[in-house]
Structures are given as structure tokens and as C-alpha cells.
Amino acid sequence: MVSKVEEMPKRRGRPVQSSEEAEKVKAHIGSCAFRLFREEGYPAVSMRRLAQEAGCTVMTIYRYYPRKIDILRDLWAEVFGDLFDLLVERAGSIKSPTSRLEAFAQGYVEYWLDRREHYFLVFMSSGVSQSDVSVFVEDDAVLKRFGIFRESLAAALPGVGEAELKLKADLLLCTLNGIAHNLITISAYPWAAPRDMVRAATRGVLGIR
């Protein structure tokens, strides 16, 4: 008598991919996308062009990323993850709340100055709508990482209300982004030293002369 298992036809098709293999393929696609977006511009890169660069089929790309914007958002998340991991590592041993905040601020600007291709990918990718950006910046995981500035301000300014802390944190981030943006995009201008500008911005938000 033939068992039911023996009667069942063997399944055909691609073998089941392990999670490790899937992550490896996804990372390869992301690496190729980063290079193409940087060299050719986000709007100019089609899924077919990306598949050609990655050495796979278009359907393989769609298996991991339903839309091109999903690839860009993944790259943004990777950049910010790297940024904030470095900031936490850099300021991890600093006990003074004021010094800790300044270390975060200095590291934030230095990160973009040292990795200008990341800055252009995150802040200057053309062909991206505000709704595309909103989905990313409203993500809880992203907002939590940016929370280190508000938390550091709260530690440095005990007793300050939540509304004022948000105002100061937003002001500091806008100032830091402005410093990085101008130094990167208007490099011919004789700006003051980045460290001096960041220190002045941080002390200004803290109300320190």
C-alpha cells in the first residue's frame, strides 16, 4: 500500500530562501540602488535599470520592494540608523548633560560633512513628494532616535516644560541641518569653523553665554 506522503507529487520551483539569504539579497539591491541614485538621480532610475545593475530580474526586486520609494526609505532608515548609533557611541561615556548634548550636536553635523553622499541621498533626492517623506519622518522608530536631542535638553534644563523642550529641540535640529546644508552646498563661502558654529548654536539653545 502506498502512503499518502508517497502519493503526493513533488513540489517544483525555486527552493525556499532562508532569512539570511533574503537579507543578503535585499542588502545587495539596496547597495546597488544607493550607487545608482547617487550617480544618476532617483527619478532617472527605473526598477528595470536597478535589476540590471543588481544582476537579477525585475520580479526579484518587486519581491522585496513593491515600489521604488520603498527602496529609498529603506536607505534613509539605514543612514539614520548608522548616524544615531555613532552619536550614542560617541556620547555614551559623557556624564554632563550639557557636554552630552553638545557631543550629539557636533557628531550630527560632522556625520553629514564626512558623508556628503548620504546627505544628498536623504535631503536632496529629487522626484520625491512630501507625502513620501511624511510616511518616513512620522515613523515611530525614526522619531524615537531623534528623541535623544529632546532627552538631552531635558537633562540639561530641568524644570523646563514639554512645549518649550520641543521648541528648543526643533530649533537646534533646524540650526544643525542649516549648518550642514550651507557647508555642503555653498562650500566656496568662507564659513566659520563648523565646531564653533555648532557650539554657539548649542549654547544658545541652552541659554549659556
C-alpha atoms as a PDB file:
ATOM      1  CA  MET A   1       0.000   0.000   0.000  1.00  0.00           C
ATOM      2  CA  VAL A   2       1.341   3.412  -0.988  1.00  0.00           C
ATOM      3  CA  SER A   3       1.309   6.007   1.771  1.00  0.00           C
ATOM      4  CA  LYS A   4      -0.288   9.422   1.288  1.00  0.00           C
ATOM      5  CA  VAL A   5       3.115  11.060   1.500  1.00  0.00           C
ATOM      6  CA  GLU A   6       4.383   8.917  -1.363  1.00  0.00           C
ATOM      7  CA  GLU A   7       1.312   9.702  -3.454  1.00  0.00           C
ATOM      8  CA  MET A   8       1.823  13.475  -3.216  1.00  0.00           C
ATOM      9  CA  PRO A   9       3.664  14.946  -6.223  1.00  0.00           C
ATOM     10  CA  LYS A  10       6.960  16.637  -5.533  1.00  0.00           C
ATOM     11  CA  ARG A  11       6.819  20.423  -5.494  1.00  0.00           C
ATOM     12  CA  ARG A  12       8.783  22.211  -8.139  1.00  0.00           C
ATOM     13  CA  GLY A  13      10.086  25.759  -8.362  1.00  0.00           C
ATOM     14  CA  ARG A  14      12.698  27.816  -6.586  1.00  0.00           C
ATOM     15  CA  PRO A  15      13.969  26.469  -3.259  1.00  0.00           C
ATOM     16  CA  VAL A  16      12.815  28.162  -0.077  1.00  0.00           C
ATOM     17  CA  GLN A  17      15.118  31.064   0.740  1.00  0.00           C
ATOM     18  CA  SER A  18      16.456  31.406   4.272  1.00  0.00           C
ATOM     19  CA  SER A  19      16.020  34.703   6.091  1.00  0.00           C
ATOM     20  CA  GLU A  20      19.795  35.195   5.990  1.00  0.00           C
ATOM     21  CA  GLU A  21      19.868  34.709   2.219  1.00  0.00           C
ATOM     22  CA  ALA A  22      16.905  37.054   1.798  1.00  0.00           C
ATOM     23  CA  GLU A  23      18.622  39.774   3.834  1.00  0.00           C
ATOM     24  CA  LYS A  24      21.785  39.333   1.787  1.00  0.00           C
ATOM     25  CA  VAL A  25      19.885  39.780  -1.478  1.00  0.00           C
ATOM     26  CA  LYS A  26      17.990  42.773  -0.104  1.00  0.00           C
ATOM     27  CA  ALA A  27      21.238  44.381   1.092  1.00  0.00           C
ATOM     28  CA  HIS A  28      22.770  43.865  -2.359  1.00  0.00           C
ATOM     29  CA  ILE A  29      19.769  45.512  -4.025  1.00  0.00           C
ATOM     30  CA  GLY A  30      19.988  48.417  -1.567  1.00  0.00           C
ATOM     31  CA  SER A  31      23.711  48.867  -2.223  1.00  0.00           C
ATOM     32  CA  CYS A  32      23.146  48.965  -5.992  1.00  0.00           C
ATOM     33  CA  ALA A  33      20.235  51.375  -5.558  1.00  0.00           C
ATOM     34  CA  PHE A  34      22.323  53.709  -3.405  1.00  0.00           C
ATOM     35  CA  ARG A  35      25.027  53.852  -6.071  1.00  0.00           C
ATOM     36  CA  LEU A  36      22.557  54.440  -8.903  1.00  0.00           C
ATOM     37  CA  PHE A  37      20.541  57.064  -7.026  1.00  0.00           C
ATOM     38  CA  ARG A  38      23.769  58.901  -6.259  1.00  0.00           C
ATOM     39  CA  GLU A  39      25.209  58.711  -9.784  1.00  0.00           C
ATOM     40  CA  GLU A  40      22.085  59.011 -11.951  1.00  0.00           C
ATOM     41  CA  GLY A  41      19.497  60.582  -9.656  1.00  0.00           C
ATOM     42  CA  TYR A  42      16.496  58.947  -8.029  1.00  0.00           C
ATOM     43  CA  PRO A  43      13.946  59.901 -10.746  1.00  0.00           C
ATOM     44  CA  ALA A  44      16.113  58.506 -13.560  1.00  0.00           C
ATOM     45  CA  VAL A  45      16.496  55.030 -12.073  1.00  0.00           C
ATOM     46  CA  SER A  46      13.796  52.534 -13.036  1.00  0.00           C
ATOM     47  CA  MET A  47      13.225  49.154 -11.427  1.00  0.00           C
ATOM     48  CA  ARG A  48      14.438  47.573 -14.675  1.00  0.00           C
ATOM     49  CA  ARG A  49      17.641  49.622 -14.524  1.00  0.00           C
ATOM     50  CA  LEU A  50      18.159  48.603 -10.902  1.00  0.00           C
ATOM     51  CA  ALA A  51      17.602  44.937 -11.732  1.00  0.00           C
ATOM     52  CA  GLN A  52      20.204  45.198 -14.478  1.00  0.00           C
ATOM     53  CA  GLU A  53      22.702  46.730 -12.066  1.00  0.00           C
ATOM     54  CA  ALA A  54      21.944  44.166  -9.348  1.00  0.00           C
ATOM     55  CA  GLY A  55      22.169  41.237 -11.766  1.00  0.00           C
ATOM     56  CA  CYS A  56      18.678  39.939 -11.090  1.00  0.00           C
ATOM     57  CA  THR A  57      15.196  40.030 -12.597  1.00  0.00           C
ATOM     58  CA  VAL A  58      12.717  42.859 -12.115  1.00  0.00           C
ATOM     59  CA  MET A  59      10.408  40.410 -10.324  1.00  0.00           C
ATOM     60  CA  THR A  60      13.157  39.752  -7.791  1.00  0.00           C
ATOM     61  CA  ILE A  61      13.268  43.475  -7.000  1.00  0.00           C
ATOM     62  CA  TYR A  62       9.489  43.589  -6.591  1.00  0.00           C
ATOM     63  CA  ARG A  63       9.623  40.611  -4.250  1.00  0.00           C
ATOM     64  CA  TYR A  64      11.493  42.792  -1.758  1.00  0.00           C
ATOM     65  CA  TYR A  65      10.271  46.279  -2.680  1.00  0.00           C
ATOM     66  CA  PRO A  66       6.738  46.890  -4.017  1.00  0.00           C
ATOM     67  CA  ARG A  67       7.692  50.439  -5.086  1.00  0.00           C
ATOM     68  CA  LYS A  68      10.872  52.361  -5.775  1.00  0.00           C
ATOM     69  CA  ILE A  69      10.151  54.789  -2.924  1.00  0.00           C
ATOM     70  CA  ASP A  70      10.291  51.832  -0.528  1.00  0.00           C
ATOM     71  CA  ILE A  71      13.917  51.286  -1.515  1.00  0.00           C
ATOM     72  CA  LEU A  72      14.741  54.942  -0.875  1.00  0.00           C
ATOM     73  CA  ARG A  73      13.007  54.870   2.508  1.00  0.00           C
ATOM     74  CA  ASP A  74      14.996  51.769   3.455  1.00  0.00           C
ATOM     75  CA  LEU A  75      18.199  53.592   2.530  1.00  0.00           C
ATOM     76  CA  TRP A  76      17.138  56.615   4.579  1.00  0.00           C
ATOM     77  CA  ALA A  77      16.472  54.353   7.573  1.00  0.00           C
ATOM     78  CA  GLU A  78      19.874  52.734   7.150  1.00  0.00           C
ATOM     79  CA  VAL A  79      21.615  56.116   7.050  1.00  0.00           C
ATOM     80  CA  PHE A  80      19.817  57.445  10.138  1.00  0.00           C
ATOM     81  CA  GLY A  81      20.396  54.157  11.973  1.00  0.00           C
ATOM     82  CA  ASP A  82      24.121  54.464  11.300  1.00  0.00           C
ATOM     83  CA  LEU A  83      24.087  58.142  12.301  1.00  0.00           C
ATOM     84  CA  PHE A  84      22.385  57.683  15.655  1.00  0.00           C
ATOM     85  CA  ASP A  85      24.374  54.548  16.522  1.00  0.00           C
ATOM     86  CA  LEU A  86      27.530  56.630  16.068  1.00  0.00           C
ATOM     87  CA  LEU A  87      26.125  59.500  18.161  1.00  0.00           C
ATOM     88  CA  VAL A  88      25.187  57.207  21.040  1.00  0.00           C
ATOM     89  CA  GLU A  89      28.587  55.519  20.891  1.00  0.00           C
ATOM     90  CA  ARG A  90      30.352  58.876  20.820  1.00  0.00           C
ATOM     91  CA  ALA A  91      28.494  60.405  23.772  1.00  0.00           C
ATOM     92  CA  GLY A  92      27.898  57.238  25.756  1.00  0.00           C
ATOM     93  CA  SER A  93      30.532  57.919  28.415  1.00  0.00           C
ATOM     94  CA  ILE A  94      29.798  61.646  28.847  1.00  0.00           C
ATOM     95  CA  LYS A  95      28.062  62.370  32.160  1.00  0.00           C
ATOM     96  CA  SER A  96      27.465  66.121  31.928  1.00  0.00           C
ATOM     97  CA  PRO A  97      24.053  66.765  30.241  1.00  0.00           C
ATOM     98  CA  THR A  98      25.385  69.962  28.628  1.00  0.00           C
ATOM     99  CA  SER A  99      28.505  68.268  27.266  1.00  0.00           C
ATOM    100  CA  ARG A 100      26.451  65.284  26.147  1.00  0.00           C
ATOM    101  CA  LEU A 101      24.079  67.499  24.152  1.00  0.00           C
ATOM    102  CA  GLU A 102      26.990  69.297  22.512  1.00  0.00           C
ATOM    103  CA  ALA A 103      28.606  65.952  21.630  1.00  0.00           C
ATOM    104  CA  PHE A 104      25.378  64.865  19.925  1.00  0.00           C
ATOM    105  CA  ALA A 105      25.173  68.167  18.049  1.00  0.00           C
ATOM    106  CA  GLN A 106      28.815  68.110  16.952  1.00  0.00           C
ATOM    107  CA  GLY A 107      28.555  64.481  15.864  1.00  0.00           C
ATOM    108  CA  TYR A 108      25.344  65.144  13.940  1.00  0.00           C
ATOM    109  CA  VAL A 109      26.900  67.859  11.763  1.00  0.00           C
ATOM    110  CA  GLU A 110      30.213  66.026  11.382  1.00  0.00           C
ATOM    111  CA  TYR A 111      28.383  62.929  10.167  1.00  0.00           C
ATOM    112  CA  TRP A 112      26.869  64.773   7.203  1.00  0.00           C
ATOM    113  CA  LEU A 113      30.089  66.638   6.422  1.00  0.00           C
ATOM    114  CA  ASP A 114      32.055  63.384   6.387  1.00  0.00           C
ATOM    115  CA  ARG A 115      29.403  61.539   4.344  1.00  0.00           C
ATOM    116  CA  ARG A 116      28.115  64.075   1.877  1.00  0.00           C
ATOM    117  CA  GLU A 117      26.721  61.427  -0.450  1.00  0.00           C
ATOM    118  CA  HIS A 118      24.444  60.376   2.429  1.00  0.00           C
ATOM    119  CA  TYR A 119      23.333  63.970   2.912  1.00  0.00           C
ATOM    120  CA  PHE A 120      22.373  64.317  -0.744  1.00  0.00           C
ATOM    121  CA  LEU A 121      20.518  60.994  -0.669  1.00  0.00           C
ATOM    122  CA  VAL A 122      18.483  61.939   2.409  1.00  0.00           C
ATOM    123  CA  PHE A 123      17.867  65.654   1.967  1.00  0.00           C
ATOM    124  CA  MET A 124      18.287  66.378  -1.726  1.00  0.00           C
ATOM    125  CA  SER A 125      16.779  63.473  -3.663  1.00  0.00           C
ATOM    126  CA  SER A 126      14.591  64.972  -6.397  1.00  0.00           C
ATOM    127  CA  GLY A 127      11.351  63.423  -7.567  1.00  0.00           C
ATOM    128  CA  VAL A 128      10.187  62.707  -4.011  1.00  0.00           C
ATOM    129  CA  SER A 129       6.828  64.026  -2.812  1.00  0.00           C
ATOM    130  CA  GLN A 130       6.063  65.454   0.623  1.00  0.00           C
ATOM    131  CA  SER A 131       3.741  62.517   1.294  1.00  0.00           C
ATOM    132  CA  ASP A 132       6.609  60.135   0.568  1.00  0.00           C
ATOM    133  CA  VAL A 133       8.754  61.977   3.098  1.00  0.00           C
ATOM    134  CA  SER A 134       5.950  62.251   5.661  1.00  0.00           C
ATOM    135  CA  VAL A 135       5.497  58.497   5.860  1.00  0.00           C
ATOM    136  CA  PHE A 136       9.170  58.204   6.777  1.00  0.00           C
ATOM    137  CA  VAL A 137       9.541  61.080   9.246  1.00  0.00           C
ATOM    138  CA  GLU A 138       6.327  60.133  11.066  1.00  0.00           C
ATOM    139  CA  ASP A 139       7.597  56.607  11.688  1.00  0.00           C
ATOM    140  CA  ASP A 140       7.801  55.959  15.441  1.00  0.00           C
ATOM    141  CA  ALA A 141      11.217  54.292  15.184  1.00  0.00           C
ATOM    142  CA  VAL A 142      12.704  57.324  13.413  1.00  0.00           C
ATOM    143  CA  LEU A 143      11.132  59.828  15.824  1.00  0.00           C
ATOM    144  CA  LYS A 144      12.442  57.830  18.776  1.00  0.00           C
ATOM    145  CA  ARG A 145      16.028  58.114  17.524  1.00  0.00           C
ATOM    146  CA  PHE A 146      15.712  61.900  17.135  1.00  0.00           C
ATOM    147  CA  GLY A 147      14.412  61.976  20.700  1.00  0.00           C
ATOM    148  CA  ILE A 148      17.977  61.941  22.023  1.00  0.00           C
ATOM    149  CA  PHE A 149      18.119  65.707  21.453  1.00  0.00           C
ATOM    150  CA  ARG A 150      14.954  66.404  23.444  1.00  0.00           C
ATOM    151  CA  GLU A 151      16.052  63.997  26.183  1.00  0.00           C
ATOM    152  CA  SER A 152      19.469  65.642  26.426  1.00  0.00           C
ATOM    153  CA  LEU A 153      17.868  69.081  26.581  1.00  0.00           C
ATOM    154  CA  ALA A 154      15.515  67.884  29.326  1.00  0.00           C
ATOM    155  CA  ALA A 155      18.503  66.644  31.340  1.00  0.00           C
ATOM    156  CA  ALA A 156      20.395  69.914  30.806  1.00  0.00           C
ATOM    157  CA  LEU A 157      17.361  72.108  31.539  1.00  0.00           C
ATOM    158  CA  PRO A 158      15.497  70.513  34.461  1.00  0.00           C
ATOM    159  CA  GLY A 159      12.104  72.048  35.136  1.00  0.00           C
ATOM    160  CA  VAL A 160      11.530  73.258  31.571  1.00  0.00           C
ATOM    161  CA  GLY A 161       8.062  72.396  30.247  1.00  0.00           C
ATOM    162  CA  GLU A 162       7.391  69.957  27.423  1.00  0.00           C
ATOM    163  CA  ALA A 163       6.291  72.635  24.953  1.00  0.00           C
ATOM    164  CA  GLU A 164       9.487  74.636  25.464  1.00  0.00           C
ATOM    165  CA  LEU A 165      11.626  71.494  25.228  1.00  0.00           C
ATOM    166  CA  LYS A 166      10.056  70.681  21.879  1.00  0.00           C
ATOM    167  CA  LEU A 167      10.624  74.229  20.672  1.00  0.00           C
ATOM    168  CA  LYS A 168      14.294  74.138  21.692  1.00  0.00           C
ATOM    169  CA  ALA A 169      14.869  70.668  20.239  1.00  0.00           C
ATOM    170  CA  ASP A 170      13.273  71.655  16.929  1.00  0.00           C
ATOM    171  CA  LEU A 171      15.250  74.898  16.849  1.00  0.00           C
ATOM    172  CA  LEU A 172      18.509  73.080  17.488  1.00  0.00           C
ATOM    173  CA  LEU A 173      17.845  70.472  14.790  1.00  0.00           C
ATOM    174  CA  CYS A 174      16.878  73.143  12.250  1.00  0.00           C
ATOM    175  CA  THR A 175      20.079  75.025  13.077  1.00  0.00           C
ATOM    176  CA  LEU A 176      22.260  71.916  12.803  1.00  0.00           C
ATOM    177  CA  ASN A 177      20.688  70.958   9.479  1.00  0.00           C
ATOM    178  CA  GLY A 178      21.192  74.518   8.262  1.00  0.00           C
ATOM    179  CA  ILE A 179      24.862  74.454   9.208  1.00  0.00           C
ATOM    180  CA  ALA A 180      25.401  71.134   7.415  1.00  0.00           C
ATOM    181  CA  HIS A 181      23.403  72.234   4.376  1.00  0.00           C
ATOM    182  CA  ASN A 182      25.261  75.503   3.860  1.00  0.00           C
ATOM    183  CA  LEU A 183      28.694  73.997   4.429  1.00  0.00           C
ATOM    184  CA  ILE A 184      27.947  71.221   1.919  1.00  0.00           C
ATOM    185  CA  THR A 185      26.116  73.167  -0.782  1.00  0.00           C
ATOM    186  CA  ILE A 186      27.909  76.544  -0.549  1.00  0.00           C
ATOM    187  CA  SER A 187      31.398  75.289   0.191  1.00  0.00           C
ATOM    188  CA  ALA A 188      33.117  78.233  -1.560  1.00  0.00           C
ATOM    189  CA  TYR A 189      31.953  80.664   1.128  1.00  0.00           C
ATOM    190  CA  PRO A 190      34.451  81.233   3.984  1.00  0.00           C
ATOM    191  CA  TRP A 191      32.234  79.919   6.784  1.00  0.00           C
ATOM    192  CA  ALA A 192      33.306  79.963  10.407  1.00  0.00           C
ATOM    193  CA  ALA A 193      34.643  76.676  11.758  1.00  0.00           C
ATOM    194  CA  PRO A 194      31.833  74.064  11.980  1.00  0.00           C
ATOM    195  CA  ARG A 195      32.688  73.180  15.577  1.00  0.00           C
ATOM    196  CA  ASP A 196      32.458  76.823  16.617  1.00  0.00           C
ATOM    197  CA  MET A 197      29.078  77.273  14.934  1.00  0.00           C
ATOM    198  CA  VAL A 198      27.664  74.096  16.470  1.00  0.00           C
ATOM    199  CA  ARG A 199      28.965  75.036  19.903  1.00  0.00           C
ATOM    200  CA  ALA A 200      27.415  78.512  19.629  1.00  0.00           C
ATOM    201  CA  ALA A 201      24.095  77.010  18.480  1.00  0.00           C
ATOM    202  CA  THR A 202      24.022  74.514  21.333  1.00  0.00           C
ATOM    203  CA  ARG A 203      24.914  77.077  23.977  1.00  0.00           C
ATOM    204  CA  GLY A 204      22.358  79.482  22.528  1.00  0.00           C
ATOM    205  CA  VAL A 205      19.554  76.937  22.889  1.00  0.00           C
ATOM    206  CA  LEU A 206      20.695  76.237  26.454  1.00  0.00           C
ATOM    207  CA  GLY A 207      20.859  79.954  27.239  1.00  0.00           C
ATOM    208  CA  ILE A 208      24.578  79.833  28.010  1.00  0.00           C
ATOM    209  CA  ARG A 209      26.762  82.810  27.051  1.00  0.00           C
END
